[in-house]
């Protein structure tokens, strides 16, 4: 409650999951971050604009995550003349209701040998442009808003949650907790 009013549309929220899926993501990406979404204000409520497995692109109350005790870090999005963070949130919301990325997308994006084989065979990196994993959606939103990575040159479909929090456009503000 102390920092709620300081969180802006387009700030990045990074989750550290500990379930099976989260542990797989941590193992493969060598990062403690397993999920990302953008903060957005919706009718006076602070929510997360995100893409979740089995749910797709959605808006979900941040307070529900915090009440469940999830480990969430808040990253302030640096405002600049290069891009507008609220445009990133608008991009995510414009895809509201679209599906979550298929397991094939994860294998294509992060499977060590399969990714190399697909690159040789020139298989597109994004296996389905209307299905999103969380960090793919967030990176595509940044690009839509005019951000070009300041040296980060991976395709959105190959961007991991850990990659996002390391981008220079984000400054870690702290851990969010219920109470």
Foldseek 3Di string as FASTA:
>chain_A
DVCVVVAEWLKKKFFQDDDPQSVVLCVQVVDRTAFMFTWDADPNFTWTQFQDAPFGTATGGPLVCQVVVTKMWIWDFADDPQFDSNQLVVQSVVLHPFAADDVVLVCCQGVVVNVVVCVVVVPDNRVDPRHYHGQLSSVVSCVSRRDDQPPDDDHSSNDGSRNVCPGPRIDTDGIDHDD
